[in-house]
């Protein structure tokens, strides 16, 4: 069986990644494709535990420790869920991957982005997405969305606007660096318009 397709969705908090991944998964299912929807952290039992630590732990976590926790989760997630699904020929739709670590821990936490990338590439044995959809939205608009939807912010969502500005700039720089892998979309556009653009791009992969 041919290898499956690995699609990741990236962007700041509040950009609509979950909504778009749900719609894409439903559409692919209608086309007869086997789809696995997952996220990082939290896509496995181990990931659920890591997610609780990195996003809801009370008190500070040292930036390097945070980066290592994400990488540890990613290593387990890829080995036990993502690679097996791809080997079966499934389409994997994943909320966040290595680019999030480069943006959040690299730029946001002001660590060395290339060191953060190298750590995750080692953890995943070099697995790269076939397509990365970047939903781009300015920090103020994203925060307004979160304010309407959240009663409690996680550790990253609660960071100051300067943090989220750095994260957004890092995502856009990553997209500029790898234009063939990224599809950059304006997350302020209507949901159905965004989804149509995603499906058009995914059609060439599946």
C-alpha atoms as a PDB file:
ATOM      1  CA  UNK A   1       0.000   0.000   0.000  1.00  0.00           C
ATOM      2  CA  UNK A   2       1.230   3.470  -0.821  1.00  0.00           C
ATOM      3  CA  UNK A   3       2.160   5.857   1.949  1.00  0.00           C
ATOM      4  CA  UNK A   4      -0.615   8.031   3.282  1.00  0.00           C
ATOM      5  CA  UNK A   5      -0.728  11.826   3.349  1.00  0.00           C
ATOM      6  CA  UNK A   6       0.413  13.899   6.306  1.00  0.00           C
ATOM      7  CA  UNK A   7      -1.330  17.290   6.664  1.00  0.00           C
ATOM      8  CA  UNK A   8      -0.635  19.679   9.527  1.00  0.00           C
ATOM      9  CA  UNK A   9      -2.490  22.816  10.549  1.00  0.00           C
ATOM     10  CA  UNK A  10      -0.558  25.623  12.179  1.00  0.00           C
ATOM     11  CA  UNK A  11      -1.185  29.126  13.442  1.00  0.00           C
ATOM     12  CA  UNK A  12      -1.701  31.033  16.632  1.00  0.00           C
ATOM     13  CA  UNK A  13      -4.359  30.223  19.198  1.00  0.00           C
ATOM     14  CA  UNK A  14      -7.809  31.243  18.009  1.00  0.00           C
ATOM     15  CA  UNK A  15      -7.159  30.987  14.272  1.00  0.00           C
ATOM     16  CA  UNK A  16      -9.667  28.192  13.611  1.00  0.00           C
ATOM     17  CA  UNK A  17      -7.449  25.137  13.188  1.00  0.00           C
ATOM     18  CA  UNK A  18      -9.895  22.773  14.890  1.00  0.00           C
ATOM     19  CA  UNK A  19     -12.839  23.918  12.780  1.00  0.00           C
ATOM     20  CA  UNK A  20     -10.910  23.564   9.531  1.00  0.00           C
ATOM     21  CA  UNK A  21      -9.498  20.153  10.434  1.00  0.00           C
ATOM     22  CA  UNK A  22     -12.991  18.875  11.285  1.00  0.00           C
ATOM     23  CA  UNK A  23     -14.394  20.086   7.978  1.00  0.00           C
ATOM     24  CA  UNK A  24     -11.466  18.672   6.004  1.00  0.00           C
ATOM     25  CA  UNK A  25     -11.719  15.292   7.719  1.00  0.00           C
ATOM     26  CA  UNK A  26     -15.449  15.077   6.978  1.00  0.00           C
ATOM     27  CA  UNK A  27     -14.899  15.945   3.315  1.00  0.00           C
ATOM     28  CA  UNK A  28     -12.104  13.405   2.894  1.00  0.00           C
ATOM     29  CA  UNK A  29     -14.269  10.764   4.544  1.00  0.00           C
ATOM     30  CA  UNK A  30     -16.966  11.486   1.970  1.00  0.00           C
ATOM     31  CA  UNK A  31     -14.329  10.856  -0.725  1.00  0.00           C
ATOM     32  CA  UNK A  32     -13.747   7.405   0.732  1.00  0.00           C
ATOM     33  CA  UNK A  33     -10.408   8.149   2.407  1.00  0.00           C
ATOM     34  CA  UNK A  34      -9.489   6.789   5.818  1.00  0.00           C
ATOM     35  CA  UNK A  35      -8.697   9.780   8.007  1.00  0.00           C
ATOM     36  CA  UNK A  36      -6.938  10.093  11.344  1.00  0.00           C
ATOM     37  CA  UNK A  37      -7.426  13.413  13.153  1.00  0.00           C
ATOM     38  CA  UNK A  38      -4.982  14.121  15.927  1.00  0.00           C
ATOM     39  CA  UNK A  39      -3.195  16.908  17.761  1.00  0.00           C
ATOM     40  CA  UNK A  40      -0.025  17.765  19.621  1.00  0.00           C
ATOM     41  CA  UNK A  41       0.170  17.509  22.478  1.00  0.00           C
ATOM     42  CA  UNK A  42      -2.694  15.196  23.371  1.00  0.00           C
ATOM     43  CA  UNK A  43      -2.969  12.744  20.503  1.00  0.00           C
ATOM     44  CA  UNK A  44      -2.096   9.733  22.669  1.00  0.00           C
ATOM     45  CA  UNK A  45      -2.546   8.745  26.313  1.00  0.00           C
ATOM     46  CA  UNK A  46       1.001   9.934  26.971  1.00  0.00           C
ATOM     47  CA  UNK A  47       0.245  13.135  25.089  1.00  0.00           C
ATOM     48  CA  UNK A  48      -2.766  13.866  27.286  1.00  0.00           C
ATOM     49  CA  UNK A  49      -0.490  13.764  30.325  1.00  0.00           C
ATOM     50  CA  UNK A  50       2.117  15.982  28.639  1.00  0.00           C
ATOM     51  CA  UNK A  51      -0.597  18.421  27.546  1.00  0.00           C
ATOM     52  CA  UNK A  52      -1.741  18.829  31.126  1.00  0.00           C
ATOM     53  CA  UNK A  53       1.815  19.621  32.217  1.00  0.00           C
ATOM     54  CA  UNK A  54       2.792  22.061  29.474  1.00  0.00           C
ATOM     55  CA  UNK A  55      -0.522  23.905  29.168  1.00  0.00           C
ATOM     56  CA  UNK A  56      -2.115  23.730  32.622  1.00  0.00           C
ATOM     57  CA  UNK A  57       0.742  23.313  35.103  1.00  0.00           C
ATOM     58  CA  UNK A  58       0.568  25.903  37.860  1.00  0.00           C
ATOM     59  CA  UNK A  59       3.764  27.872  38.058  1.00  0.00           C
ATOM     60  CA  UNK A  60       6.655  28.331  35.685  1.00  0.00           C
ATOM     61  CA  UNK A  61       8.262  25.721  33.442  1.00  0.00           C
ATOM     62  CA  UNK A  62      11.774  26.533  32.244  1.00  0.00           C
ATOM     63  CA  UNK A  63      11.722  27.213  28.470  1.00  0.00           C
ATOM     64  CA  UNK A  64      14.179  24.417  27.647  1.00  0.00           C
ATOM     65  CA  UNK A  65      12.179  21.979  29.772  1.00  0.00           C
ATOM     66  CA  UNK A  66       9.026  23.031  27.921  1.00  0.00           C
ATOM     67  CA  UNK A  67      10.698  22.422  24.553  1.00  0.00           C
ATOM     68  CA  UNK A  68      11.897  18.987  25.698  1.00  0.00           C
ATOM     69  CA  UNK A  69       8.424  18.010  26.911  1.00  0.00           C
ATOM     70  CA  UNK A  70       6.899  18.876  23.534  1.00  0.00           C
ATOM     71  CA  UNK A  71       9.636  16.930  21.751  1.00  0.00           C
ATOM     72  CA  UNK A  72       9.132  13.891  23.991  1.00  0.00           C
ATOM     73  CA  UNK A  73       5.417  13.888  23.271  1.00  0.00           C
ATOM     74  CA  UNK A  74       6.123  14.293  19.547  1.00  0.00           C
ATOM     75  CA  UNK A  75       8.512  11.331  19.496  1.00  0.00           C
ATOM     76  CA  UNK A  76       5.921   9.044  21.082  1.00  0.00           C
ATOM     77  CA  UNK A  77       3.050  10.422  19.005  1.00  0.00           C
ATOM     78  CA  UNK A  78       4.812   9.920  15.681  1.00  0.00           C
ATOM     79  CA  UNK A  79       6.113   6.464  16.559  1.00  0.00           C
ATOM     80  CA  UNK A  80       2.841   5.072  17.905  1.00  0.00           C
ATOM     81  CA  UNK A  81       0.129   6.889  15.961  1.00  0.00           C
ATOM     82  CA  UNK A  82       1.244   8.975  12.980  1.00  0.00           C
ATOM     83  CA  UNK A  83       3.709   6.651  11.234  1.00  0.00           C
ATOM     84  CA  UNK A  84       1.471   3.569  11.597  1.00  0.00           C
ATOM     85  CA  UNK A  85      -1.443   5.523  10.096  1.00  0.00           C
ATOM     86  CA  UNK A  86       0.679   6.731   7.171  1.00  0.00           C
ATOM     87  CA  UNK A  87       1.965   3.214   6.574  1.00  0.00           C
ATOM     88  CA  UNK A  88      -1.658   2.027   6.322  1.00  0.00           C
ATOM     89  CA  UNK A  89      -2.252   4.653   3.645  1.00  0.00           C
ATOM     90  CA  UNK A  90      -4.443   6.903   5.813  1.00  0.00           C
ATOM     91  CA  UNK A  91      -4.654  10.679   5.645  1.00  0.00           C
ATOM     92  CA  UNK A  92      -3.392  12.159   8.902  1.00  0.00           C
ATOM     93  CA  UNK A  93      -4.738  15.613   9.756  1.00  0.00           C
ATOM     94  CA  UNK A  94      -2.843  17.024  12.699  1.00  0.00           C
ATOM     95  CA  UNK A  95      -3.308  20.160  14.782  1.00  0.00           C
ATOM     96  CA  UNK A  96       0.268  21.438  15.389  1.00  0.00           C
ATOM     97  CA  UNK A  97       3.625  19.828  14.709  1.00  0.00           C
ATOM     98  CA  UNK A  98       7.293  20.867  14.584  1.00  0.00           C
ATOM     99  CA  UNK A  99       6.545  24.348  13.241  1.00  0.00           C
ATOM    100  CA  UNK A 100       4.637  25.133  16.434  1.00  0.00           C
ATOM    101  CA  UNK A 101       7.664  24.326  18.551  1.00  0.00           C
ATOM    102  CA  UNK A 102       9.894  26.486  16.362  1.00  0.00           C
ATOM    103  CA  UNK A 103       7.401  29.365  16.653  1.00  0.00           C
ATOM    104  CA  UNK A 104       6.305  29.049  20.275  1.00  0.00           C
ATOM    105  CA  UNK A 105       9.403  27.742  22.022  1.00  0.00           C
ATOM    106  CA  UNK A 106      11.915  29.131  19.539  1.00  0.00           C
ATOM    107  CA  UNK A 107      10.542  32.625  18.885  1.00  0.00           C
ATOM    108  CA  UNK A 108       8.032  32.917  21.705  1.00  0.00           C
ATOM    109  CA  UNK A 109      10.334  31.669  24.469  1.00  0.00           C
ATOM    110  CA  UNK A 110      13.381  33.165  22.704  1.00  0.00           C
ATOM    111  CA  UNK A 111      15.279  29.898  22.385  1.00  0.00           C
ATOM    112  CA  UNK A 112      17.440  28.976  19.378  1.00  0.00           C
ATOM    113  CA  UNK A 113      14.863  28.095  16.677  1.00  0.00           C
ATOM    114  CA  UNK A 114      17.260  25.805  14.824  1.00  0.00           C
ATOM    115  CA  UNK A 115      18.089  23.934  18.028  1.00  0.00           C
ATOM    116  CA  UNK A 116      14.379  23.506  18.715  1.00  0.00           C
ATOM    117  CA  UNK A 117      13.805  22.283  15.157  1.00  0.00           C
ATOM    118  CA  UNK A 118      16.745  19.890  15.326  1.00  0.00           C
ATOM    119  CA  UNK A 119      15.469  18.382  18.571  1.00  0.00           C
ATOM    120  CA  UNK A 120      12.061  17.619  17.061  1.00  0.00           C
ATOM    121  CA  UNK A 121      13.496  16.343  13.795  1.00  0.00           C
ATOM    122  CA  UNK A 122      15.600  13.892  15.794  1.00  0.00           C
ATOM    123  CA  UNK A 123      12.576  12.948  17.911  1.00  0.00           C
ATOM    124  CA  UNK A 124      10.477  12.194  14.816  1.00  0.00           C
ATOM    125  CA  UNK A 125      13.270  10.633  12.758  1.00  0.00           C
ATOM    126  CA  UNK A 126      12.825  13.369  10.172  1.00  0.00           C
ATOM    127  CA  UNK A 127       9.134  12.928   9.377  1.00  0.00           C
ATOM    128  CA  UNK A 128       7.905  15.992   7.465  1.00  0.00           C
ATOM    129  CA  UNK A 129       4.332  16.942   6.492  1.00  0.00           C
ATOM    130  CA  UNK A 130       3.241  16.773   2.877  1.00  0.00           C
ATOM    131  CA  UNK A 131       1.272  19.979   3.417  1.00  0.00           C
ATOM    132  CA  UNK A 132       1.144  22.546   6.193  1.00  0.00           C
ATOM    133  CA  UNK A 133      -1.850  24.889   6.295  1.00  0.00           C
ATOM    134  CA  UNK A 134      -0.974  28.099   8.132  1.00  0.00           C
ATOM    135  CA  UNK A 135      -3.999  30.036   9.340  1.00  0.00           C
ATOM    136  CA  UNK A 136      -2.725  33.560   9.822  1.00  0.00           C
ATOM    137  CA  UNK A 137      -4.407  36.103  12.083  1.00  0.00           C
ATOM    138  CA  UNK A 138      -3.145  39.108  13.992  1.00  0.00           C
ATOM    139  CA  UNK A 139      -2.784  38.659  17.742  1.00  0.00           C
ATOM    140  CA  UNK A 140      -5.519  41.164  18.678  1.00  0.00           C
ATOM    141  CA  UNK A 141      -8.144  39.467  16.502  1.00  0.00           C
ATOM    142  CA  UNK A 142      -7.111  36.035  17.747  1.00  0.00           C
ATOM    143  CA  UNK A 143      -7.399  37.184  21.368  1.00  0.00           C
ATOM    144  CA  UNK A 144     -10.862  38.592  20.710  1.00  0.00           C
ATOM    145  CA  UNK A 145     -11.946  35.193  19.395  1.00  0.00           C
ATOM    146  CA  UNK A 146     -10.507  33.470  22.442  1.00  0.00           C
ATOM    147  CA  UNK A 147     -12.253  35.936  24.739  1.00  0.00           C
ATOM    148  CA  UNK A 148     -15.577  34.917  23.202  1.00  0.00           C
ATOM    149  CA  UNK A 149     -14.857  31.204  23.470  1.00  0.00           C
ATOM    150  CA  UNK A 150     -12.799  30.731  26.644  1.00  0.00           C
ATOM    151  CA  UNK A 151     -13.476  30.943  30.333  1.00  0.00           C
ATOM    152  CA  UNK A 152      -9.948  29.819  31.149  1.00  0.00           C
ATOM    153  CA  UNK A 153      -6.715  30.410  29.247  1.00  0.00           C
ATOM    154  CA  UNK A 154      -3.897  27.873  29.078  1.00  0.00           C
ATOM    155  CA  UNK A 155      -0.290  28.863  29.777  1.00  0.00           C
ATOM    156  CA  UNK A 156       0.465  29.845  26.173  1.00  0.00           C
ATOM    157  CA  UNK A 157      -2.834  31.567  25.438  1.00  0.00           C
ATOM    158  CA  UNK A 158      -2.305  33.704  28.553  1.00  0.00           C
ATOM    159  CA  UNK A 159       1.014  35.130  27.334  1.00  0.00           C
ATOM    160  CA  UNK A 160       1.278  38.846  26.504  1.00  0.00           C
ATOM    161  CA  UNK A 161       0.593  40.180  23.019  1.00  0.00           C
ATOM    162  CA  UNK A 162       4.338  40.618  22.359  1.00  0.00           C
ATOM    163  CA  UNK A 163       4.786  36.859  22.748  1.00  0.00           C
ATOM    164  CA  UNK A 164       2.019  36.146  20.246  1.00  0.00           C
ATOM    165  CA  UNK A 165       3.397  38.745  17.824  1.00  0.00           C
ATOM    166  CA  UNK A 166       6.736  36.910  17.838  1.00  0.00           C
ATOM    167  CA  UNK A 167       4.970  33.601  17.279  1.00  0.00           C
ATOM    168  CA  UNK A 168       3.018  34.956  14.309  1.00  0.00           C
ATOM    169  CA  UNK A 169       6.130  36.450  12.731  1.00  0.00           C
ATOM    170  CA  UNK A 170       7.951  33.143  13.170  1.00  0.00           C
ATOM    171  CA  UNK A 171       5.163  31.187  11.454  1.00  0.00           C
ATOM    172  CA  UNK A 172       5.202  33.564   8.492  1.00  0.00           C
ATOM    173  CA  UNK A 173       8.982  33.320   8.254  1.00  0.00           C
ATOM    174  CA  UNK A 174       8.733  29.525   8.205  1.00  0.00           C
ATOM    175  CA  UNK A 175       6.201  29.728   5.382  1.00  0.00           C
ATOM    176  CA  UNK A 176       8.476  32.030   3.405  1.00  0.00           C
ATOM    177  CA  UNK A 177      11.299  29.548   3.897  1.00  0.00           C
ATOM    178  CA  UNK A 178       9.310  26.568   2.569  1.00  0.00           C
ATOM    179  CA  UNK A 179       6.653  27.914   0.182  1.00  0.00           C
ATOM    180  CA  UNK A 180       6.106  24.539  -1.497  1.00  0.00           C
ATOM    181  CA  UNK A 181       5.053  22.921   1.790  1.00  0.00           C
ATOM    182  CA  UNK A 182       2.961  25.766   3.202  1.00  0.00           C
ATOM    183  CA  UNK A 183      -0.462  27.044   2.259  1.00  0.00           C
ATOM    184  CA  UNK A 184      -0.894  30.405   3.999  1.00  0.00           C
ATOM    185  CA  UNK A 185      -4.486  31.560   4.424  1.00  0.00           C
ATOM    186  CA  UNK A 186      -6.120  34.613   5.960  1.00  0.00           C
ATOM    187  CA  UNK A 187      -7.893  33.241   9.037  1.00  0.00           C
ATOM    188  CA  UNK A 188     -10.237  36.245   9.127  1.00  0.00           C
ATOM    189  CA  UNK A 189     -11.940  35.069   5.919  1.00  0.00           C
ATOM    190  CA  UNK A 190     -15.250  33.153   6.099  1.00  0.00           C
ATOM    191  CA  UNK A 191     -14.891  29.546   7.248  1.00  0.00           C
ATOM    192  CA  UNK A 192     -16.298  28.058   4.031  1.00  0.00           C
ATOM    193  CA  UNK A 193     -13.948  30.135   1.854  1.00  0.00           C
ATOM    194  CA  UNK A 194     -10.937  28.966   3.834  1.00  0.00           C
ATOM    195  CA  UNK A 195     -12.113  25.377   3.614  1.00  0.00           C
ATOM    196  CA  UNK A 196     -12.566  25.599  -0.161  1.00  0.00           C
ATOM    197  CA  UNK A 197      -8.960  26.747  -0.570  1.00  0.00           C
ATOM    198  CA  UNK A 198      -7.710  23.949   1.666  1.00  0.00           C
ATOM    199  CA  UNK A 199      -9.674  21.311  -0.255  1.00  0.00           C
ATOM    200  CA  UNK A 200      -8.366  22.615  -3.569  1.00  0.00           C
ATOM    201  CA  UNK A 201      -4.804  22.161  -2.374  1.00  0.00           C
ATOM    202  CA  UNK A 202      -5.433  18.794  -0.691  1.00  0.00           C
ATOM    203  CA  UNK A 203      -7.071  17.437  -3.839  1.00  0.00           C
ATOM    204  CA  UNK A 204      -3.680  17.398  -5.542  1.00  0.00           C
ATOM    205  CA  UNK A 205      -2.269  15.213  -2.769  1.00  0.00           C
ATOM    206  CA  UNK A 206      -5.006  12.611  -2.402  1.00  0.00           C
END
